[in-house]
Amino acid sequence: MSEEPLHLLSGAYALNALALEEREAFEDHLSTCDSCRAEVAGLTTTAARLAEPIAVAPPARLKADLLPRLDEVRQLPPRTPPLEELPISRERRRMRVLLAAAAGIVLAAGAATTWTMVRYHDVAQRERAITRVLAAPDARAVPSTTPSWRGIARVIVSRQRGEGVLVAGAELAAPPAGKTYELWYISATGARPAGTFAPHARGLTRVITGAVGDATLVAVTIEPTGGRDKPSGSPVATFPLPAA
């Protein structure tokens, strides 16, 4: 693929929408093209911000217009049925049901709002980390030296930022039941856990947890769900990191 079409793939790459061959070609191009790195960084940030809520302040005149009209609205008192119309025991049961339903609605709404806020914060934080790596002037895309992972997954790392990102295609096979993939930073002093991940039908972009530091290799092992503090077996994939 010539250089000119590659410049046009930055938007699709930022949305993880490229086919395997296009993604590989673009990542090779990305490691040498400053303008495309900057464009991908900007597009990734923009994509993250699309989910941000937009608050619009009401016009200043709204309060002044509404308050005088309150006197024009007839206020009706609530109707309280006589005791002979509605037995106390029945009313109490009805009120309990209504209060329980109202409490359930409030709790569900609160839980949904809290989950949404936490989820949005996590996504925004992840997108910022990805943007930092992609925009770094020394960002380099490293393919796996493991044949079965070559062409499927790459690590993009920046020594200046001290951060790395794993990019994997939809072709990545799922680990066995009850297992997960775990990332490791490997250095002369040993292996440091760097997060777990699972394949995704549309591919995935995963921030590698922790600082690159003096690591010379990123490795992937298969571990029990939840991960471990130390690798339990040989790596299923390795990515040699560029020198500092």
C-alpha atoms as a PDB file:
ATOM      1  CA  MET A   1       0.000   0.000   0.000  1.00  0.00           C
ATOM      2  CA  SER A   2       1.398   3.424  -0.958  1.00  0.00           C
ATOM      3  CA  GLU A   3       1.874   6.206   1.565  1.00  0.00           C
ATOM      4  CA  GLU A   4      -0.968   8.418   0.292  1.00  0.00           C
ATOM      5  CA  PRO A   5      -3.872   6.008   1.087  1.00  0.00           C
ATOM      6  CA  LEU A   6      -2.330   5.311   4.491  1.00  0.00           C
ATOM      7  CA  HIS A   7      -2.753   8.957   5.483  1.00  0.00           C
ATOM      8  CA  LEU A   8      -6.509   8.491   5.039  1.00  0.00           C
ATOM      9  CA  LEU A   9      -6.834   5.654   7.566  1.00  0.00           C
ATOM     10  CA  SER A  10      -6.275   7.629  10.778  1.00  0.00           C
ATOM     11  CA  GLY A  11     -10.004   8.004  11.528  1.00  0.00           C
ATOM     12  CA  ALA A  12     -10.792   4.324  11.074  1.00  0.00           C
ATOM     13  CA  TYR A  13      -7.718   3.373  13.127  1.00  0.00           C
ATOM     14  CA  ALA A  14      -8.778   5.653  16.008  1.00  0.00           C
ATOM     15  CA  LEU A  15     -12.130   3.822  16.071  1.00  0.00           C
ATOM     16  CA  ASN A  16     -10.461   0.381  15.795  1.00  0.00           C
ATOM     17  CA  ALA A  17     -12.358  -0.205  12.532  1.00  0.00           C
ATOM     18  CA  LEU A  18      -9.556  -1.374  10.233  1.00  0.00           C
ATOM     19  CA  ALA A  19      -9.147  -4.844   8.836  1.00  0.00           C
ATOM     20  CA  LEU A  20      -6.109  -6.802   9.988  1.00  0.00           C
ATOM     21  CA  GLU A  21      -3.948  -6.096   6.924  1.00  0.00           C
ATOM     22  CA  GLU A  22      -4.828  -2.381   6.913  1.00  0.00           C
ATOM     23  CA  ARG A  23      -4.154  -2.081  10.643  1.00  0.00           C
ATOM     24  CA  GLU A  24      -0.716  -3.662  10.302  1.00  0.00           C
ATOM     25  CA  ALA A  25       0.209  -1.417   7.380  1.00  0.00           C
ATOM     26  CA  PHE A  26      -1.055   1.696   9.162  1.00  0.00           C
ATOM     27  CA  GLU A  27       0.803   0.908  12.404  1.00  0.00           C
ATOM     28  CA  ASP A  28       4.037   0.537  10.442  1.00  0.00           C
ATOM     29  CA  HIS A  29       3.293   3.880   8.836  1.00  0.00           C
ATOM     30  CA  LEU A  30       2.319   5.402  12.218  1.00  0.00           C
ATOM     31  CA  SER A  31       5.747   4.704  13.690  1.00  0.00           C
ATOM     32  CA  THR A  32       7.357   7.041  11.138  1.00  0.00           C
ATOM     33  CA  CYS A  33       4.655   9.651  10.432  1.00  0.00           C
ATOM     34  CA  ASP A  34       4.396  12.497  12.962  1.00  0.00           C
ATOM     35  CA  SER A  35       1.328  14.054  11.307  1.00  0.00           C
ATOM     36  CA  CYS A  36      -0.671  10.812  11.430  1.00  0.00           C
ATOM     37  CA  ARG A  37       0.277  10.237  15.088  1.00  0.00           C
ATOM     38  CA  ALA A  38      -0.982  13.706  15.943  1.00  0.00           C
ATOM     39  CA  GLU A  39      -4.179  13.168  13.951  1.00  0.00           C
ATOM     40  CA  VAL A  40      -4.884   9.791  15.578  1.00  0.00           C
ATOM     41  CA  ALA A  41      -4.310  11.300  19.018  1.00  0.00           C
ATOM     42  CA  GLY A  42      -6.766  14.099  18.298  1.00  0.00           C
ATOM     43  CA  LEU A  43      -9.399  11.772  16.846  1.00  0.00           C
ATOM     44  CA  THR A  44      -9.107   9.378  19.791  1.00  0.00           C
ATOM     45  CA  THR A  45      -9.666  12.244  22.227  1.00  0.00           C
ATOM     46  CA  THR A  46     -12.626  13.494  20.205  1.00  0.00           C
ATOM     47  CA  ALA A  47     -14.213  10.041  20.148  1.00  0.00           C
ATOM     48  CA  ALA A  48     -13.948   9.853  23.940  1.00  0.00           C
ATOM     49  CA  ARG A  49     -15.561  13.262  24.315  1.00  0.00           C
ATOM     50  CA  LEU A  50     -18.573  12.376  22.165  1.00  0.00           C
ATOM     51  CA  ALA A  51     -20.098  10.622  25.170  1.00  0.00           C
ATOM     52  CA  GLU A  52     -19.754  13.645  27.433  1.00  0.00           C
ATOM     53  CA  PRO A  53     -23.102  15.027  28.676  1.00  0.00           C
ATOM     54  CA  ILE A  54     -23.955  18.549  27.530  1.00  0.00           C
ATOM     55  CA  ALA A  55     -25.562  20.869  30.072  1.00  0.00           C
ATOM     56  CA  VAL A  56     -27.434  23.901  28.738  1.00  0.00           C
ATOM     57  CA  ALA A  57     -28.175  26.752  31.138  1.00  0.00           C
ATOM     58  CA  PRO A  58     -31.796  28.000  30.979  1.00  0.00           C
ATOM     59  CA  PRO A  59     -32.349  31.582  29.788  1.00  0.00           C
ATOM     60  CA  ALA A  60     -31.983  34.154  32.549  1.00  0.00           C
ATOM     61  CA  ARG A  61     -35.523  35.427  31.880  1.00  0.00           C
ATOM     62  CA  LEU A  62     -37.137  32.017  32.493  1.00  0.00           C
ATOM     63  CA  LYS A  63     -37.388  32.378  36.260  1.00  0.00           C
ATOM     64  CA  ALA A  64     -38.702  35.934  35.981  1.00  0.00           C
ATOM     65  CA  ASP A  65     -41.362  34.803  33.481  1.00  0.00           C
ATOM     66  CA  LEU A  66     -42.556  31.795  35.484  1.00  0.00           C
ATOM     67  CA  LEU A  67     -42.721  33.120  39.040  1.00  0.00           C
ATOM     68  CA  PRO A  68     -45.494  35.731  38.414  1.00  0.00           C
ATOM     69  CA  ARG A  69     -47.611  33.045  36.723  1.00  0.00           C
ATOM     70  CA  LEU A  70     -47.682  30.828  39.805  1.00  0.00           C
ATOM     71  CA  ASP A  71     -50.459  32.976  41.265  1.00  0.00           C
ATOM     72  CA  GLU A  72     -52.567  32.264  38.183  1.00  0.00           C
ATOM     73  CA  VAL A  73     -52.462  28.504  38.666  1.00  0.00           C
ATOM     74  CA  ARG A  74     -55.207  27.115  40.868  1.00  0.00           C
ATOM     75  CA  GLN A  75     -53.793  24.886  43.587  1.00  0.00           C
ATOM     76  CA  LEU A  76     -56.095  22.024  44.572  1.00  0.00           C
ATOM     77  CA  PRO A  77     -55.651  20.342  47.954  1.00  0.00           C
ATOM     78  CA  PRO A  78     -55.112  16.601  47.884  1.00  0.00           C
ATOM     79  CA  ARG A  79     -58.258  14.550  48.396  1.00  0.00           C
ATOM     80  CA  THR A  80     -58.171  12.457  51.557  1.00  0.00           C
ATOM     81  CA  PRO A  81     -60.857   9.760  51.485  1.00  0.00           C
ATOM     82  CA  PRO A  82     -62.915   9.261  54.655  1.00  0.00           C
ATOM     83  CA  LEU A  83     -61.993   6.338  56.812  1.00  0.00           C
ATOM     84  CA  GLU A  84     -65.256   4.610  55.994  1.00  0.00           C
ATOM     85  CA  GLU A  85     -64.379   4.683  52.279  1.00  0.00           C
ATOM     86  CA  LEU A  86     -60.966   3.112  52.680  1.00  0.00           C
ATOM     87  CA  PRO A  87     -60.150   0.915  55.668  1.00  0.00           C
ATOM     88  CA  ILE A  88     -56.958   1.805  57.509  1.00  0.00           C
ATOM     89  CA  SER A  89     -55.409  -1.640  57.064  1.00  0.00           C
ATOM     90  CA  ARG A  90     -55.936  -1.516  53.295  1.00  0.00           C
ATOM     91  CA  GLU A  91     -54.554   2.022  53.068  1.00  0.00           C
ATOM     92  CA  ARG A  92     -51.472   1.061  55.017  1.00  0.00           C
ATOM     93  CA  ARG A  93     -50.818  -1.917  52.737  1.00  0.00           C
ATOM     94  CA  ARG A  94     -51.240   0.318  49.703  1.00  0.00           C
ATOM     95  CA  MET A  95     -48.872   2.942  51.114  1.00  0.00           C
ATOM     96  CA  ARG A  96     -46.252   0.280  51.879  1.00  0.00           C
ATOM     97  CA  VAL A  97     -46.404  -0.930  48.268  1.00  0.00           C
ATOM     98  CA  LEU A  98     -46.150   2.601  46.896  1.00  0.00           C
ATOM     99  CA  LEU A  99     -43.250   3.505  49.187  1.00  0.00           C
ATOM    100  CA  ALA A 100     -41.401   0.306  48.347  1.00  0.00           C
ATOM    101  CA  ALA A 101     -41.873   0.933  44.629  1.00  0.00           C
ATOM    102  CA  ALA A 102     -40.709   4.530  44.974  1.00  0.00           C
ATOM    103  CA  ALA A 103     -37.659   3.467  46.980  1.00  0.00           C
ATOM    104  CA  GLY A 104     -36.836   0.842  44.355  1.00  0.00           C
ATOM    105  CA  ILE A 105     -37.045   3.404  41.568  1.00  0.00           C
ATOM    106  CA  VAL A 106     -34.819   5.846  43.464  1.00  0.00           C
ATOM    107  CA  LEU A 107     -32.250   3.168  44.269  1.00  0.00           C
ATOM    108  CA  ALA A 108     -32.245   1.828  40.710  1.00  0.00           C
ATOM    109  CA  ALA A 109     -31.858   5.317  39.257  1.00  0.00           C
ATOM    110  CA  GLY A 110     -29.080   6.120  41.711  1.00  0.00           C
ATOM    111  CA  ALA A 111     -27.258   2.882  40.972  1.00  0.00           C
ATOM    112  CA  ALA A 112     -27.592   3.393  37.212  1.00  0.00           C
ATOM    113  CA  THR A 113     -26.329   6.967  37.465  1.00  0.00           C
ATOM    114  CA  THR A 114     -23.387   5.935  39.639  1.00  0.00           C
ATOM    115  CA  TRP A 115     -22.475   3.052  37.300  1.00  0.00           C
ATOM    116  CA  THR A 116     -22.673   5.354  34.270  1.00  0.00           C
ATOM    117  CA  MET A 117     -20.439   7.975  35.906  1.00  0.00           C
ATOM    118  CA  VAL A 118     -17.860   5.385  36.985  1.00  0.00           C
ATOM    119  CA  ARG A 119     -17.955   3.713  33.574  1.00  0.00           C
ATOM    120  CA  TYR A 120     -17.529   7.030  31.767  1.00  0.00           C
ATOM    121  CA  HIS A 121     -14.633   8.012  34.020  1.00  0.00           C
ATOM    122  CA  ASP A 122     -12.890   4.682  33.320  1.00  0.00           C
ATOM    123  CA  VAL A 123     -13.387   5.002  29.564  1.00  0.00           C
ATOM    124  CA  ALA A 124     -12.217   8.623  29.491  1.00  0.00           C
ATOM    125  CA  GLN A 125      -9.154   7.774  31.567  1.00  0.00           C
ATOM    126  CA  ARG A 126      -8.301   4.868  29.255  1.00  0.00           C
ATOM    127  CA  GLU A 127      -8.728   7.012  26.135  1.00  0.00           C
ATOM    128  CA  ARG A 128      -6.446   9.693  27.570  1.00  0.00           C
ATOM    129  CA  ALA A 129      -3.758   7.085  28.257  1.00  0.00           C
ATOM    130  CA  ILE A 130      -4.069   5.691  24.723  1.00  0.00           C
ATOM    131  CA  THR A 131      -3.851   9.190  23.285  1.00  0.00           C
ATOM    132  CA  ARG A 132      -0.705   9.949  25.289  1.00  0.00           C
ATOM    133  CA  VAL A 133       1.041   6.894  23.880  1.00  0.00           C
ATOM    134  CA  LEU A 134      -0.073   7.396  20.266  1.00  0.00           C
ATOM    135  CA  ALA A 135       0.880  11.082  20.320  1.00  0.00           C
ATOM    136  CA  ALA A 136       4.340  10.498  21.806  1.00  0.00           C
ATOM    137  CA  PRO A 137       7.121  11.366  19.360  1.00  0.00           C
ATOM    138  CA  ASP A 138       8.946   8.119  20.171  1.00  0.00           C
ATOM    139  CA  ALA A 139       5.880   5.842  19.926  1.00  0.00           C
ATOM    140  CA  ARG A 140       6.778   2.543  18.267  1.00  0.00           C
ATOM    141  CA  ALA A 141       4.560  -0.372  17.203  1.00  0.00           C
ATOM    142  CA  VAL A 142       6.149  -3.724  18.045  1.00  0.00           C
ATOM    143  CA  PRO A 143       4.812  -6.976  16.524  1.00  0.00           C
ATOM    144  CA  SER A 144       4.905 -10.217  18.469  1.00  0.00           C
ATOM    145  CA  THR A 145       7.816 -12.558  17.930  1.00  0.00           C
ATOM    146  CA  THR A 146       5.453 -15.503  18.518  1.00  0.00           C
ATOM    147  CA  PRO A 147       4.316 -16.874  15.134  1.00  0.00           C
ATOM    148  CA  SER A 148       0.723 -17.581  16.191  1.00  0.00           C
ATOM    149  CA  TRP A 149       0.313 -13.980  17.421  1.00  0.00           C
ATOM    150  CA  ARG A 150       2.206 -12.259  14.601  1.00  0.00           C
ATOM    151  CA  GLY A 151      -0.173 -10.134  12.600  1.00  0.00           C
ATOM    152  CA  ILE A 152      -2.858 -10.438  15.274  1.00  0.00           C
ATOM    153  CA  ALA A 153      -1.476  -8.327  18.128  1.00  0.00           C
ATOM    154  CA  ARG A 154       1.032  -5.509  18.584  1.00  0.00           C
ATOM    155  CA  VAL A 155       2.334  -3.408  21.448  1.00  0.00           C
ATOM    156  CA  ILE A 156       2.687   0.345  20.962  1.00  0.00           C
ATOM    157  CA  VAL A 157       5.132   1.764  23.489  1.00  0.00           C
ATOM    158  CA  SER A 158       6.605   5.144  24.369  1.00  0.00           C
ATOM    159  CA  ARG A 159       9.726   5.215  26.505  1.00  0.00           C
ATOM    160  CA  GLN A 160       9.336   8.966  26.985  1.00  0.00           C
ATOM    161  CA  ARG A 161       5.827   8.541  28.391  1.00  0.00           C
ATOM    162  CA  GLY A 162       6.722   5.297  30.133  1.00  0.00           C
ATOM    163  CA  GLU A 163       3.487   3.737  28.899  1.00  0.00           C
ATOM    164  CA  GLY A 164       2.368   1.000  26.530  1.00  0.00           C
ATOM    165  CA  VAL A 165      -0.798  -0.091  24.720  1.00  0.00           C
ATOM    166  CA  LEU A 166      -1.770  -3.534  23.426  1.00  0.00           C
ATOM    167  CA  VAL A 167      -3.719  -3.637  20.148  1.00  0.00           C
ATOM    168  CA  ALA A 168      -5.239  -7.003  19.181  1.00  0.00           C
ATOM    169  CA  GLY A 169      -7.521  -8.008  16.336  1.00  0.00           C
ATOM    170  CA  ALA A 170     -10.760  -9.957  16.410  1.00  0.00           C
ATOM    171  CA  GLU A 171      -8.828 -13.049  15.262  1.00  0.00           C
ATOM    172  CA  LEU A 172      -7.284 -13.497  18.719  1.00  0.00           C
ATOM    173  CA  ALA A 173      -8.449 -16.827  20.151  1.00  0.00           C
ATOM    174  CA  ALA A 174     -10.196 -16.910  23.528  1.00  0.00           C
ATOM    175  CA  PRO A 175      -8.322 -18.553  26.436  1.00  0.00           C
ATOM    176  CA  PRO A 176      -9.735 -21.760  27.960  1.00  0.00           C
ATOM    177  CA  ALA A 177     -12.764 -21.576  30.253  1.00  0.00           C
ATOM    178  CA  GLY A 178     -11.877 -20.164  33.669  1.00  0.00           C
ATOM    179  CA  LYS A 179      -8.696 -18.594  32.289  1.00  0.00           C
ATOM    180  CA  THR A 180      -7.623 -15.124  31.172  1.00  0.00           C
ATOM    181  CA  TYR A 181      -4.745 -13.534  29.303  1.00  0.00           C
ATOM    182  CA  GLU A 182      -2.358 -11.645  31.578  1.00  0.00           C
ATOM    183  CA  LEU A 183       0.243  -9.081  30.526  1.00  0.00           C
ATOM    184  CA  TRP A 184       3.709  -8.808  32.087  1.00  0.00           C
ATOM    185  CA  TYR A 185       6.557  -6.324  31.926  1.00  0.00           C
ATOM    186  CA  ILE A 186       9.763  -8.382  31.879  1.00  0.00           C
ATOM    187  CA  SER A 187      13.070  -6.881  32.996  1.00  0.00           C
ATOM    188  CA  ALA A 188      16.369  -8.139  34.409  1.00  0.00           C
ATOM    189  CA  THR A 189      14.793  -8.152  37.874  1.00  0.00           C
ATOM    190  CA  GLY A 190      11.846 -10.352  36.901  1.00  0.00           C
ATOM    191  CA  ALA A 191       8.211 -10.095  35.784  1.00  0.00           C
ATOM    192  CA  ARG A 192       5.733  -7.412  36.837  1.00  0.00           C
ATOM    193  CA  PRO A 193       1.961  -7.974  36.340  1.00  0.00           C
ATOM    194  CA  ALA A 194       0.525  -5.450  33.876  1.00  0.00           C
ATOM    195  CA  GLY A 195      -3.185  -6.297  33.727  1.00  0.00           C
ATOM    196  CA  THR A 196      -5.498  -8.932  32.272  1.00  0.00           C
ATOM    197  CA  PHE A 197      -7.549  -8.873  29.093  1.00  0.00           C
ATOM    198  CA  ALA A 198      -9.944 -10.942  27.008  1.00  0.00           C
ATOM    199  CA  PRO A 199     -10.424 -11.016  23.220  1.00  0.00           C
ATOM    200  CA  HIS A 200     -13.220  -8.955  21.700  1.00  0.00           C
ATOM    201  CA  ALA A 201     -15.284  -9.621  18.582  1.00  0.00           C
ATOM    202  CA  ARG A 202     -14.330  -6.187  17.226  1.00  0.00           C
ATOM    203  CA  GLY A 203     -10.724  -6.278  18.403  1.00  0.00           C
ATOM    204  CA  LEU A 204      -9.391  -4.450  21.420  1.00  0.00           C
ATOM    205  CA  THR A 205      -7.072  -1.652  22.475  1.00  0.00           C
ATOM    206  CA  ARG A 206      -5.822  -2.240  26.027  1.00  0.00           C
ATOM    207  CA  VAL A 207      -3.668   0.071  28.139  1.00  0.00           C
ATOM    208  CA  ILE A 208      -0.846  -1.951  29.687  1.00  0.00           C
ATOM    209  CA  THR A 209      -1.014  -1.334  33.426  1.00  0.00           C
ATOM    210  CA  GLY A 210       2.005   0.219  35.138  1.00  0.00           C
ATOM    211  CA  ALA A 211       5.115   1.980  33.928  1.00  0.00           C
ATOM    212  CA  VAL A 212       7.416   0.527  31.278  1.00  0.00           C
ATOM    213  CA  GLY A 213      10.451   1.322  33.413  1.00  0.00           C
ATOM    214  CA  ASP A 214      13.450  -0.838  32.578  1.00  0.00           C
ATOM    215  CA  ALA A 215      11.365  -3.585  30.945  1.00  0.00           C
ATOM    216  CA  THR A 216      12.823  -5.067  27.788  1.00  0.00           C
ATOM    217  CA  LEU A 217       9.888  -7.307  26.958  1.00  0.00           C
ATOM    218  CA  VAL A 218       6.108  -7.476  27.229  1.00  0.00           C
ATOM    219  CA  ALA A 219       4.867 -11.052  27.663  1.00  0.00           C
ATOM    220  CA  VAL A 220       1.419 -12.651  27.692  1.00  0.00           C
ATOM    221  CA  THR A 221       0.565 -15.762  29.703  1.00  0.00           C
ATOM    222  CA  ILE A 222      -2.646 -17.669  30.350  1.00  0.00           C
ATOM    223  CA  GLU A 223      -3.645 -17.491  34.010  1.00  0.00           C
ATOM    224  CA  PRO A 224      -6.702 -18.259  36.173  1.00  0.00           C
ATOM    225  CA  THR A 225      -9.466 -15.663  35.931  1.00  0.00           C
ATOM    226  CA  GLY A 226      -8.470 -12.604  37.933  1.00  0.00           C
ATOM    227  CA  GLY A 227      -4.751 -13.021  37.187  1.00  0.00           C
ATOM    228  CA  ARG A 228      -1.779 -13.830  39.395  1.00  0.00           C
ATOM    229  CA  ASP A 229       1.144 -11.989  40.980  1.00  0.00           C
ATOM    230  CA  LYS A 230       3.670 -14.190  39.171  1.00  0.00           C
ATOM    231  CA  PRO A 231       3.517 -16.029  35.836  1.00  0.00           C
ATOM    232  CA  SER A 232       2.512 -19.659  36.250  1.00  0.00           C
ATOM    233  CA  GLY A 233       3.798 -20.872  32.888  1.00  0.00           C
ATOM    234  CA  SER A 234       5.681 -19.988  29.727  1.00  0.00           C
ATOM    235  CA  PRO A 235       4.502 -16.968  27.703  1.00  0.00           C
ATOM    236  CA  VAL A 236       2.122 -17.589  24.816  1.00  0.00           C
ATOM    237  CA  ALA A 237       3.282 -14.326  23.198  1.00  0.00           C
ATOM    238  CA  THR A 238       6.209 -11.920  23.584  1.00  0.00           C
ATOM    239  CA  PHE A 239       6.851  -8.382  22.343  1.00  0.00           C
ATOM    240  CA  PRO A 240      10.457  -7.096  22.490  1.00  0.00           C
ATOM    241  CA  LEU A 241      10.489  -3.431  23.500  1.00  0.00           C
ATOM    242  CA  PRO A 242      12.710  -0.859  21.784  1.00  0.00           C
ATOM    243  CA  ALA A 243      15.717   0.355  23.765  1.00  0.00           C
ATOM    244  CA  ALA A 244      15.427   3.562  25.722  1.00  0.00           C
END
